[in-house]
Amino acid sequence: MSGSHDEFHAHPPSAPAAQPDPGTALDHAPLSPSPRGVERLAILPRFEFPEFLRRQETSALLLLIAAIAALALANSPLSDAFHSLWQTEIGLEIGSYELRETLLRWIDDGLMAVFFFVVGLEIKRQILVGELSTFRKALLPIVAALGGMLVPAAIYLALNAGGEGARGWGVPMTTDIAFSLGVLALLGSRIPIGLKVFLTALAIADDLGAVVVIAVFYTAELHPWWMAGAAGVLAVLYGLNRLRVDNPWPYGLLGAVVWFFFLESGVHPTVAGVLVAFTIPASAKLPPVAFVDWARFRLDDIRACDVPGAHVLADDRQQLIADELSRGAKQVAAPLQRLEHALQSVSSLVILPLFALANAGVDLRAYSIGDLLLHPVPIGVFLGLFVGKPLGITLFTWLAVRTRLSRLPAGVEWRHIVGAGVLAGIGFTMSLFIANLAFRSALLQAEMKLGVLITSVAAGLAGYLLLRALTARETRR
């Protein structure tokens, strides 16, 4: 980075009076006439809310396909081979130390840490510039998410307190952001944009609450020295942030060390993903307008040293300038933005479907489905997610509005809040994840996962039909 930074001093850009929106400065600045065939120079994809919803819709479809495939394979003649695949041991050796885990554990503890890292980046961005950036904007979805966690947990515990399933109280507290927003996206423009933003912020706050629950209540045993080591590495990462180091490699390498320390500490290693995400710098080294001014000079330099008809290999200077432009463009975006854009598709389109394929395969052939569904565990999950979620979200939202702590988003009415609360009952990914942490018993896991799968489908269908009916009635008016 230092080489390209020095170049800025060779042609000092004029200081901008005010920084424009980073998403528009590069898109509309007339840098130079475009060469033939080059329509537009895209430095970094802009974050657009509709694009975000489309990604959640695609992720939800892949999750659904993966879950159906897992259930079909787990209950087919290929069941033994399917389950054996996830129990395949994979490891590495460093001297006398050996780290060996099953493929299932590598997915749940390793790949899901990347998913939680992306969740952490999204949470940090929302806190800094999004729907959680001010007290007034953040209060309503946070209060709603709190109600959507406390009421389901209370309902579940009312049915399972003192029983062998009591430890699963965290399962019905969570909302699957991909599925819930994916279903909402199917309703298109008939749904107020304020409701989509509200449900997004609620699901993000819910994810943060789930991380806290996992770290505090689903940690079996703590090893202080490993925790101290993790804290020390996190302090180094914070120092890199303060020094404005924007190269992602130091964060990635030290983040892997934090993950390993958490793995050995007893705290679930996916929590490390969120903590490392919060150390990623969220500011850019170079203001967009300053880059545009500097880039104009460098583009003129390319044109000035051009020899018509010469081979591209004949003049290294043009290539060096183009490389400087590429490196300079990266300094316009914050490392947080670059990592989020780079990893979001991998997380939602690869990691989550793979997690669903590995964890949703419940072998039901050895059980009576009727008996399973009549146990307190799946009943508690169903009532917690399907009844407790909309009840808690609506009640706590009403209290926040009634006490004038906040107000409903523009265009959003109470029936929309109820519909969003029903959609929030889609637990799936995070619910299955906590179910794995809560139970080791195959029977309890089967009961829990079956309850989560059935309830998530029911909540998705009910939420979609309810909101569709509400918007159809509004259209008739």
Protein backbone atom coordinates (compact mmCIF):
# COMPACT_ATOMS: atom_id res chain seq x y z
CA MET A 1 0.00 0.00 0.00
CA SER A 2 2.85 2.38 0.72
CA GLY A 3 3.91 2.58 -2.92
CA SER A 4 0.53 3.71 -4.13
CA HIS A 5 0.13 6.04 -1.21
CA ASP A 6 3.34 7.85 -2.12
CA GLU A 7 2.01 8.41 -5.61
CA PHE A 8 -0.79 10.53 -4.22
CA HIS A 9 1.80 13.10 -3.16
CA ALA A 10 3.25 13.29 -6.67
CA HIS A 11 -0.05 14.72 -7.92
CA PRO A 12 -1.81 16.18 -4.87
CA PRO A 13 -5.57 16.01 -5.27
CA SER A 14 -7.63 19.02 -4.40
CA ALA A 15 -9.14 18.72 -0.97
CA PRO A 16 -12.88 18.06 -1.20
CA ALA A 17 -15.19 20.37 0.66
CA ALA A 18 -17.35 17.49 1.75
CA GLN A 19 -17.26 13.75 1.22
CA PRO A 20 -20.09 12.46 -0.96
CA ASP A 21 -21.72 9.11 -0.60
CA PRO A 22 -19.00 6.47 -1.27
CA GLY A 23 -21.46 4.46 -3.32
CA THR A 24 -21.99 7.24 -5.89
CA ALA A 25 -18.69 9.08 -6.13
CA LEU A 26 -17.00 6.46 -8.26
CA ASP A 27 -20.06 5.43 -10.23
CA HIS A 28 -20.71 8.85 -11.74
CA ALA A 29 -17.32 10.59 -11.86
CA PRO A 30 -16.21 11.26 -15.46
CA LEU A 31 -12.67 10.00 -15.06
CA SER A 32 -11.77 9.78 -18.72
CA PRO A 33 -13.31 8.78 -22.04
CA SER A 34 -13.85 5.03 -21.96
CA PRO A 35 -11.94 2.81 -24.38
CA ARG A 36 -14.02 0.99 -26.98
CA GLY A 37 -15.92 -1.91 -25.45
CA VAL A 38 -15.50 -0.70 -21.88
CA GLU A 39 -18.86 0.55 -20.69
CA ARG A 40 -18.14 1.15 -17.03
CA LEU A 41 -15.30 0.81 -14.54
CA ALA A 42 -16.68 -0.94 -11.44
CA ILE A 43 -14.41 -0.46 -8.46
CA LEU A 44 -16.61 -2.18 -5.85
CA PRO A 45 -20.21 -3.42 -5.92
CA ARG A 46 -22.54 -1.02 -4.18
CA PHE A 47 -24.63 -2.31 -1.32
CA GLU A 48 -28.28 -2.04 -2.28
CA PHE A 49 -31.13 -3.25 -0.06
CA PRO A 50 -33.03 -4.95 -2.92
CA GLU A 51 -29.81 -6.78 -3.84
CA PHE A 52 -29.49 -7.89 -0.21
CA LEU A 53 -33.05 -9.24 -0.27
CA ARG A 54 -32.45 -11.12 -3.52
CA ARG A 55 -29.40 -12.76 -1.99
CA GLN A 56 -31.46 -13.85 1.03
CA GLU A 57 -34.13 -15.22 -1.30
CA THR A 58 -31.54 -17.28 -3.20
CA SER A 59 -29.95 -18.46 0.05
CA ALA A 60 -33.37 -19.50 1.39
CA LEU A 61 -34.05 -21.55 -1.76
CA LEU A 62 -30.70 -23.33 -1.47
CA LEU A 63 -31.28 -23.95 2.23
CA LEU A 64 -34.66 -25.48 1.47
CA ILE A 65 -33.20 -27.73 -1.24
CA ALA A 66 -30.37 -28.81 1.08
CA ALA A 67 -32.76 -29.58 3.95
CA ILE A 68 -35.06 -31.65 1.70
CA ALA A 69 -32.07 -33.50 0.27
CA ALA A 70 -30.72 -34.22 3.77
CA LEU A 71 -34.07 -35.60 4.96
CA ALA A 72 -34.47 -37.71 1.82
CA LEU A 73 -30.95 -39.18 2.04
CA ALA A 74 -31.21 -39.81 5.78
CA ASN A 75 -34.36 -41.88 5.27
CA SER A 76 -33.26 -43.72 2.12
CA PRO A 77 -31.20 -46.88 1.48
CA LEU A 78 -28.19 -44.52 1.34
CA SER A 79 -28.73 -43.50 4.95
CA ASP A 80 -25.73 -45.35 6.42
CA ALA A 81 -23.34 -43.96 3.79
CA PHE A 82 -24.83 -40.47 4.22
CA HIS A 83 -24.31 -40.45 8.00
CA SER A 84 -20.88 -42.09 7.70
CA LEU A 85 -19.78 -39.29 5.39
CA TRP A 86 -20.25 -36.65 8.10
CA GLN A 87 -18.38 -38.83 10.62
CA THR A 88 -15.28 -39.01 8.43
CA GLU A 89 -12.33 -37.78 10.48
CA ILE A 90 -10.12 -35.04 9.09
CA GLY A 91 -7.16 -33.60 10.96
CA LEU A 92 -3.73 -32.05 10.91
CA GLU A 93 -0.55 -32.66 12.88
CA ILE A 94 2.01 -30.09 13.99
CA GLY A 95 4.83 -31.83 15.80
CA SER A 96 3.31 -33.77 18.67
CA TYR A 97 0.05 -31.83 18.51
CA GLU A 98 -2.86 -33.33 16.58
CA LEU A 99 -6.17 -31.66 15.79
CA ARG A 100 -8.62 -34.22 14.47
CA GLU A 101 -12.38 -33.75 14.12
CA THR A 102 -15.22 -35.25 12.11
CA LEU A 103 -16.34 -33.56 8.91
CA LEU A 104 -19.55 -32.56 10.72
CA ARG A 105 -17.56 -30.82 13.46
CA TRP A 106 -15.37 -29.02 10.91
CA ILE A 107 -18.53 -27.66 9.31
CA ASP A 108 -20.25 -26.75 12.60
CA ASP A 109 -17.16 -25.37 14.36
CA GLY A 110 -15.04 -24.20 11.43
CA LEU A 111 -17.11 -23.12 8.43
CA MET A 112 -19.85 -21.76 10.65
CA ALA A 113 -17.23 -19.51 12.28
CA VAL A 114 -16.90 -17.86 8.84
CA PHE A 115 -20.69 -17.46 8.76
CA PHE A 116 -20.60 -15.84 12.21
CA PHE A 117 -17.74 -13.62 11.03
CA VAL A 118 -19.96 -12.32 8.22
CA VAL A 119 -22.80 -11.88 10.73
CA GLY A 120 -20.42 -9.85 12.89
CA LEU A 121 -19.44 -7.64 9.93
CA GLU A 122 -23.12 -7.01 9.17
CA ILE A 123 -23.87 -6.21 12.82
CA LYS A 124 -20.95 -3.76 13.00
CA ARG A 125 -22.01 -2.06 9.76
CA GLN A 126 -25.59 -1.72 10.97
CA ILE A 127 -24.37 -0.25 14.27
CA LEU A 128 -22.16 2.29 12.49
CA VAL A 129 -24.28 3.43 9.55
CA GLY A 130 -27.40 1.23 9.33
CA GLU A 131 -30.63 0.55 11.15
CA LEU A 132 -28.87 0.24 14.52
CA SER A 133 -26.78 3.41 14.17
CA THR A 134 -28.89 5.71 16.34
CA PHE A 135 -30.72 5.08 19.58
CA ARG A 136 -34.10 5.87 18.06
CA LYS A 137 -33.58 3.69 14.99
CA ALA A 138 -32.10 0.78 16.95
CA LEU A 139 -34.52 0.75 19.86
CA LEU A 140 -37.60 -0.68 18.13
CA PRO A 141 -35.98 -3.71 16.43
CA ILE A 142 -33.83 -4.43 19.49
CA VAL A 143 -36.82 -4.32 21.83
CA ALA A 144 -38.83 -6.45 19.37
CA ALA A 145 -35.97 -8.96 19.11
CA LEU A 146 -35.75 -9.11 22.90
CA GLY A 147 -39.45 -9.95 23.14
CA GLY A 148 -39.01 -12.48 20.35
CA MET A 149 -36.35 -14.23 22.44
CA LEU A 150 -37.73 -14.05 25.98
CA VAL A 151 -41.32 -15.15 25.30
CA PRO A 152 -40.41 -18.27 23.23
CA ALA A 153 -37.82 -19.31 25.82
CA ALA A 154 -40.39 -18.88 28.61
CA ILE A 155 -42.98 -20.96 26.73
CA TYR A 156 -40.47 -23.72 26.05
CA LEU A 157 -39.30 -23.81 29.67
CA ALA A 158 -42.90 -23.89 30.92
CA LEU A 159 -43.28 -27.23 29.12
CA ASN A 160 -39.80 -28.65 29.73
CA ALA A 161 -38.57 -27.25 33.07
CA GLY A 162 -37.06 -30.03 35.17
CA GLY A 163 -37.12 -32.48 32.28
CA GLU A 164 -34.34 -33.85 30.10
CA GLY A 165 -35.18 -31.34 27.38
CA ALA A 166 -34.84 -28.23 29.56
CA ARG A 167 -31.39 -27.41 28.17
CA GLY A 168 -32.92 -26.71 24.75
CA TRP A 169 -34.61 -23.46 25.82
CA GLY A 170 -32.32 -21.46 23.49
CA VAL A 171 -33.53 -23.26 20.36
CA PRO A 172 -36.86 -21.40 19.87
CA MET A 173 -35.24 -18.00 20.55
CA THR A 174 -33.65 -17.58 17.13
CA THR A 175 -34.75 -16.30 13.71
CA ASP A 176 -33.29 -17.47 10.41
CA ILE A 177 -32.56 -14.25 8.52
CA ALA A 178 -32.17 -15.94 5.12
CA PHE A 179 -35.47 -17.81 5.26
CA SER A 180 -37.52 -15.02 6.85
CA LEU A 181 -36.28 -12.33 4.45
CA GLY A 182 -36.43 -14.77 1.56
CA VAL A 183 -40.13 -15.38 2.17
CA LEU A 184 -40.70 -11.63 2.61
CA ALA A 185 -38.95 -10.98 -0.70
CA LEU A 186 -41.48 -13.26 -2.46
CA LEU A 187 -44.17 -10.69 -1.65
CA GLY A 188 -42.28 -8.03 -3.59
CA SER A 189 -43.31 -4.39 -3.61
CA ARG A 190 -46.64 -5.11 -1.90
CA ILE A 191 -44.78 -5.10 1.42
CA PRO A 192 -43.74 -1.67 2.80
CA ILE A 193 -39.99 -1.13 2.61
CA GLY A 194 -40.16 -0.09 6.27
CA LEU A 195 -41.30 -3.61 7.23
CA LYS A 196 -38.43 -5.21 5.30
CA VAL A 197 -35.93 -2.94 7.03
CA PHE A 198 -37.58 -3.60 10.42
CA LEU A 199 -37.43 -7.39 9.99
CA THR A 200 -33.82 -7.19 8.78
CA ALA A 201 -32.73 -5.14 11.80
CA LEU A 202 -34.73 -7.42 14.11
CA ALA A 203 -33.07 -10.54 12.68
CA ILE A 204 -29.62 -8.97 13.03
CA ALA A 205 -30.32 -8.02 16.66
CA ASP A 206 -31.65 -11.56 17.15
CA ASP A 207 -28.38 -12.99 15.75
CA LEU A 208 -26.40 -10.88 18.22
CA GLY A 209 -28.59 -12.16 21.06
CA ALA A 210 -28.07 -15.75 19.87
CA VAL A 211 -24.30 -15.25 19.94
CA VAL A 212 -24.51 -14.01 23.55
CA VAL A 213 -26.70 -16.98 24.51
CA ILE A 214 -24.26 -19.45 22.93
CA ALA A 215 -21.25 -17.84 24.62
CA VAL A 216 -22.81 -17.55 28.09
CA PHE A 217 -25.19 -20.49 28.42
CA TYR A 218 -23.87 -23.17 26.08
CA THR A 219 -20.29 -23.23 27.29
CA ALA A 220 -19.67 -26.46 29.18
CA GLU A 221 -16.23 -25.77 30.68
CA LEU A 222 -13.91 -22.78 30.58
CA HIS A 223 -10.11 -22.96 30.37
CA PRO A 224 -8.88 -19.54 31.55
CA TRP A 225 -5.42 -19.68 29.97
CA TRP A 226 -6.81 -20.30 26.51
CA MET A 227 -9.33 -17.50 27.06
CA ALA A 228 -6.50 -15.18 28.13
CA GLY A 229 -4.58 -16.07 24.97
CA ALA A 230 -7.63 -15.31 22.83
CA ALA A 231 -8.09 -11.97 24.60
CA GLY A 232 -4.43 -11.12 23.96
CA VAL A 233 -4.69 -11.83 20.22
CA LEU A 234 -7.94 -9.83 20.02
CA ALA A 235 -6.07 -6.93 21.65
CA VAL A 236 -3.41 -7.18 18.91
CA LEU A 237 -6.16 -7.15 16.27
CA TYR A 238 -7.64 -4.05 17.87
CA GLY A 239 -4.19 -2.46 17.77
CA LEU A 240 -3.92 -3.19 14.05
CA ASN A 241 -7.29 -1.49 13.61
CA ARG A 242 -6.10 1.60 15.45
CA LEU A 243 -2.94 1.66 13.31
CA ARG A 244 -5.21 1.63 10.24
CA VAL A 245 -3.75 -1.57 8.84
CA ASP A 246 -6.14 -2.43 6.04
CA ASN A 247 -4.46 -5.54 4.60
CA PRO A 248 -6.86 -8.43 5.33
CA TRP A 249 -4.13 -11.07 5.75
CA PRO A 250 -3.00 -10.13 9.30
CA TYR A 251 -6.63 -10.16 10.42
CA GLY A 252 -7.23 -13.51 8.75
CA LEU A 253 -4.15 -15.19 10.21
CA LEU A 254 -4.62 -13.81 13.72
CA GLY A 255 -8.37 -14.49 13.47
CA ALA A 256 -7.56 -18.16 12.86
CA VAL A 257 -5.44 -18.11 16.03
CA VAL A 258 -8.35 -16.61 17.98
CA TRP A 259 -10.62 -19.34 16.59
CA PHE A 260 -8.16 -22.06 17.71
CA PHE A 261 -7.85 -20.56 21.21
CA PHE A 262 -11.64 -20.47 21.53
CA LEU A 263 -11.81 -24.09 20.35
CA GLU A 264 -9.49 -25.09 23.19
CA SER A 265 -11.05 -22.73 25.75
CA GLY A 266 -14.47 -24.39 25.96
CA VAL A 267 -16.37 -21.44 24.47
CA HIS A 268 -17.84 -22.38 21.12
CA PRO A 269 -15.34 -21.25 18.46
CA THR A 270 -17.98 -19.62 16.26
CA VAL A 271 -18.18 -16.82 18.84
CA ALA A 272 -14.62 -15.95 17.79
CA GLY A 273 -15.96 -15.09 14.32
CA VAL A 274 -18.13 -12.28 15.67
CA LEU A 275 -15.41 -10.90 17.96
CA VAL A 276 -12.81 -10.86 15.18
CA ALA A 277 -15.32 -9.14 12.86
CA PHE A 278 -15.62 -6.28 15.33
CA THR A 279 -11.87 -5.60 15.01
CA ILE A 280 -12.01 -5.14 11.21
CA PRO A 281 -11.48 -1.46 10.25
CA ALA A 282 -14.64 0.29 9.08
CA SER A 283 -13.04 3.43 7.63
CA ALA A 284 -11.33 3.93 4.28
CA LYS A 285 -7.84 5.35 3.91
CA LEU A 286 -8.78 7.56 0.97
CA PRO A 287 -11.89 9.74 0.46
CA PRO A 288 -13.66 8.90 -2.83
CA VAL A 289 -13.39 12.42 -4.29
CA ALA A 290 -9.66 12.55 -3.51
CA PHE A 291 -9.25 9.26 -5.39
CA VAL A 292 -11.19 10.60 -8.38
CA ASP A 293 -8.98 13.71 -8.59
CA TRP A 294 -5.78 11.65 -8.30
CA ALA A 295 -7.07 9.05 -10.78
CA ARG A 296 -7.63 11.75 -13.41
CA PHE A 297 -3.94 12.64 -13.26
CA ARG A 298 -2.88 9.01 -13.56
CA LEU A 299 -5.26 8.37 -16.47
CA ASP A 300 -3.78 11.38 -18.25
CA ASP A 301 -0.31 9.88 -17.61
CA ILE A 302 -1.41 6.64 -19.28
CA ARG A 303 -2.63 8.57 -22.32
CA ALA A 304 0.51 10.73 -22.45
CA CYS A 305 2.92 7.80 -22.61
CA ASP A 306 0.84 5.82 -25.12
CA VAL A 307 2.45 4.83 -28.41
CA PRO A 308 -0.25 4.15 -31.05
CA GLY A 309 -0.04 0.63 -32.44
CA ALA A 310 2.58 -0.49 -29.90
CA HIS A 311 2.27 -3.89 -28.20
CA VAL A 312 0.98 -3.77 -24.61
CA LEU A 313 4.25 -5.33 -23.41
CA ALA A 314 6.31 -2.54 -24.94
CA ASP A 315 5.61 0.04 -22.23
CA ASP A 316 5.74 -1.13 -18.63
CA ARG A 317 4.88 2.35 -17.36
CA GLN A 318 1.25 2.10 -18.49
CA GLN A 319 0.87 -1.20 -16.67
CA LEU A 320 2.47 0.19 -13.52
CA ILE A 321 0.07 3.15 -13.51
CA ALA A 322 -2.90 0.83 -14.04
CA ASP A 323 -1.70 -1.26 -11.10
CA GLU A 324 -1.44 1.90 -8.96
CA LEU A 325 -5.02 2.77 -9.90
CA SER A 326 -6.17 -0.69 -8.88
CA ARG A 327 -4.40 -0.49 -5.52
CA GLY A 328 -5.63 3.05 -4.98
CA ALA A 329 -9.22 2.02 -5.68
CA LYS A 330 -9.04 -0.51 -2.86
CA GLN A 331 -8.19 2.29 -0.43
CA VAL A 332 -11.55 3.94 -1.20
CA ALA A 333 -13.45 1.05 0.41
CA ALA A 334 -13.18 0.13 4.07
CA PRO A 335 -11.75 -3.34 4.79
CA LEU A 336 -15.09 -4.20 6.40
CA GLN A 337 -16.88 -3.51 3.10
CA ARG A 338 -14.38 -5.47 1.04
CA LEU A 339 -14.54 -8.52 3.30
CA GLU A 340 -18.31 -8.43 3.57
CA HIS A 341 -18.71 -8.32 -0.22
CA ALA A 342 -16.10 -11.04 -0.69
CA LEU A 343 -17.53 -13.46 1.89
CA GLN A 344 -21.27 -12.81 1.86
CA SER A 345 -22.01 -15.01 -1.16
CA VAL A 346 -19.72 -17.77 0.12
CA SER A 347 -21.48 -17.65 3.48
CA SER A 348 -25.07 -17.60 2.25
CA LEU A 349 -24.74 -19.72 -0.90
CA VAL A 350 -22.16 -22.32 0.16
CA ILE A 351 -21.64 -22.54 3.93
CA LEU A 352 -25.28 -22.36 5.04
CA PRO A 353 -26.59 -24.93 2.51
CA LEU A 354 -23.70 -27.25 3.45
CA PHE A 355 -24.59 -26.81 7.14
CA ALA A 356 -28.22 -27.65 6.36
CA LEU A 357 -27.20 -30.73 4.38
CA ALA A 358 -25.03 -31.95 7.25
CA ASN A 359 -27.45 -31.19 10.10
CA ALA A 360 -31.03 -31.48 8.81
CA GLY A 361 -30.80 -35.19 7.98
CA VAL A 362 -32.92 -36.70 10.77
CA ASP A 363 -33.37 -40.47 10.37
CA LEU A 364 -37.02 -40.99 11.31
CA ARG A 365 -37.27 -44.68 10.45
CA ALA A 366 -36.39 -45.82 13.96
CA TYR A 367 -39.04 -43.61 15.57
CA SER A 368 -42.75 -43.10 15.47
CA ILE A 369 -43.25 -39.57 14.16
CA GLY A 370 -46.48 -39.29 16.11
CA ASP A 371 -44.74 -40.18 19.37
CA LEU A 372 -41.87 -37.81 18.63
CA LEU A 373 -44.20 -34.88 18.01
CA LEU A 374 -46.14 -35.48 21.22
CA HIS A 375 -43.09 -35.11 23.45
CA PRO A 376 -42.59 -31.83 25.38
CA VAL A 377 -39.45 -30.92 23.39
CA PRO A 378 -40.99 -30.57 19.88
CA ILE A 379 -44.20 -29.14 21.37
CA GLY A 380 -42.13 -26.54 23.22
CA VAL A 381 -40.24 -25.69 20.03
CA PHE A 382 -43.45 -25.38 18.02
CA LEU A 383 -45.26 -23.21 20.55
CA GLY A 384 -42.13 -21.16 21.23
CA LEU A 385 -41.43 -20.36 17.59
CA PHE A 386 -44.93 -20.35 16.10
CA VAL A 387 -46.78 -18.68 19.00
CA GLY A 388 -44.08 -17.15 21.20
CA LYS A 389 -42.20 -15.32 18.43
CA PRO A 390 -45.13 -13.27 17.04
CA LEU A 391 -46.53 -12.77 20.55
CA GLY A 392 -43.24 -11.54 21.99
CA ILE A 393 -42.35 -9.35 19.00
CA THR A 394 -45.80 -7.75 18.80
CA LEU A 395 -46.12 -7.25 22.57
CA PHE A 396 -42.69 -5.69 23.06
CA THR A 397 -43.10 -3.53 19.93
CA TRP A 398 -46.46 -2.31 21.26
CA LEU A 399 -44.88 -1.47 24.63
CA ALA A 400 -42.09 0.53 22.94
CA VAL A 401 -44.58 2.50 20.84
CA ARG A 402 -47.12 2.88 23.66
CA THR A 403 -44.51 4.33 26.02
CA ARG A 404 -43.34 6.64 23.17
CA LEU A 405 -39.82 5.24 23.26
CA SER A 406 -40.14 4.62 19.54
CA ARG A 407 -42.64 4.55 16.70
CA LEU A 408 -43.58 2.27 13.84
CA PRO A 409 -41.66 2.70 10.57
CA ALA A 410 -43.34 4.71 7.82
CA GLY A 411 -46.07 2.74 6.05
CA VAL A 412 -46.01 -0.08 8.60
CA GLU A 413 -49.16 -0.98 10.53
CA TRP A 414 -49.77 -3.37 13.39
CA ARG A 415 -51.00 -6.17 11.15
CA HIS A 416 -47.65 -5.98 9.34
CA ILE A 417 -45.84 -6.38 12.66
CA VAL A 418 -47.89 -9.49 13.45
CA GLY A 419 -47.08 -10.95 10.03
CA ALA A 420 -43.39 -10.21 10.46
CA GLY A 421 -43.55 -11.83 13.90
CA VAL A 422 -44.94 -15.01 12.35
CA LEU A 423 -42.14 -15.04 9.77
CA ALA A 424 -39.62 -14.58 12.57
CA GLY A 425 -40.78 -17.98 13.82
CA ILE A 426 -38.63 -19.55 11.09
CA GLY A 427 -35.76 -20.74 13.25
CA PHE A 428 -33.93 -23.26 11.07
CA THR A 429 -30.17 -22.49 10.83
CA MET A 430 -29.53 -20.97 14.26
CA SER A 431 -32.09 -23.25 15.91
CA LEU A 432 -30.44 -26.37 14.47
CA PHE A 433 -27.07 -24.95 15.50
CA ILE A 434 -28.11 -24.46 19.14
CA ALA A 435 -29.84 -27.88 19.13
CA ASN A 436 -26.46 -29.46 18.37
CA LEU A 437 -24.95 -27.62 21.35
CA ALA A 438 -27.83 -28.40 23.72
CA PHE A 439 -28.09 -32.16 23.29
CA ARG A 440 -25.90 -35.18 22.70
CA SER A 441 -28.77 -37.68 22.88
CA ALA A 442 -29.78 -38.91 19.40
CA LEU A 443 -33.43 -39.10 20.48
CA LEU A 444 -33.53 -35.57 21.86
CA GLN A 445 -31.74 -34.22 18.79
CA ALA A 446 -34.24 -36.01 16.54
CA GLU A 447 -37.16 -34.55 18.51
CA MET A 448 -35.66 -31.08 18.52
CA LYS A 449 -34.68 -31.01 14.85
CA LEU A 450 -38.01 -32.43 13.73
CA GLY A 451 -39.77 -29.73 15.76
CA VAL A 452 -37.58 -27.02 14.22
CA LEU A 453 -38.10 -28.24 10.64
CA ILE A 454 -41.89 -28.60 10.95
CA THR A 455 -42.28 -25.28 12.74
CA SER A 456 -40.07 -23.39 10.29
CA VAL A 457 -42.15 -24.65 7.35
CA ALA A 458 -45.39 -23.81 9.18
CA ALA A 459 -44.18 -20.32 10.16
CA GLY A 460 -42.95 -19.60 6.63
CA LEU A 461 -46.24 -20.64 5.02
CA ALA A 462 -48.40 -18.91 7.64
CA GLY A 463 -46.40 -15.68 7.49
CA TYR A 464 -46.48 -15.61 3.71
CA LEU A 465 -50.22 -16.31 3.48
CA LEU A 466 -51.04 -13.82 6.25
CA LEU A 467 -49.05 -10.96 4.71
CA ARG A 468 -50.32 -11.83 1.23
CA ALA A 469 -53.92 -11.73 2.48
CA LEU A 470 -53.29 -8.38 4.19
CA THR A 471 -51.78 -6.82 1.08
CA ALA A 472 -54.54 -8.26 -1.13
CA ARG A 473 -57.14 -6.63 1.13
CA GLU A 474 -55.29 -3.31 0.94
CA THR A 475 -55.22 -3.56 -2.88
CA ARG A 476 -58.99 -4.13 -3.05
CA ARG A 477 -59.52 -0.96 -1.07
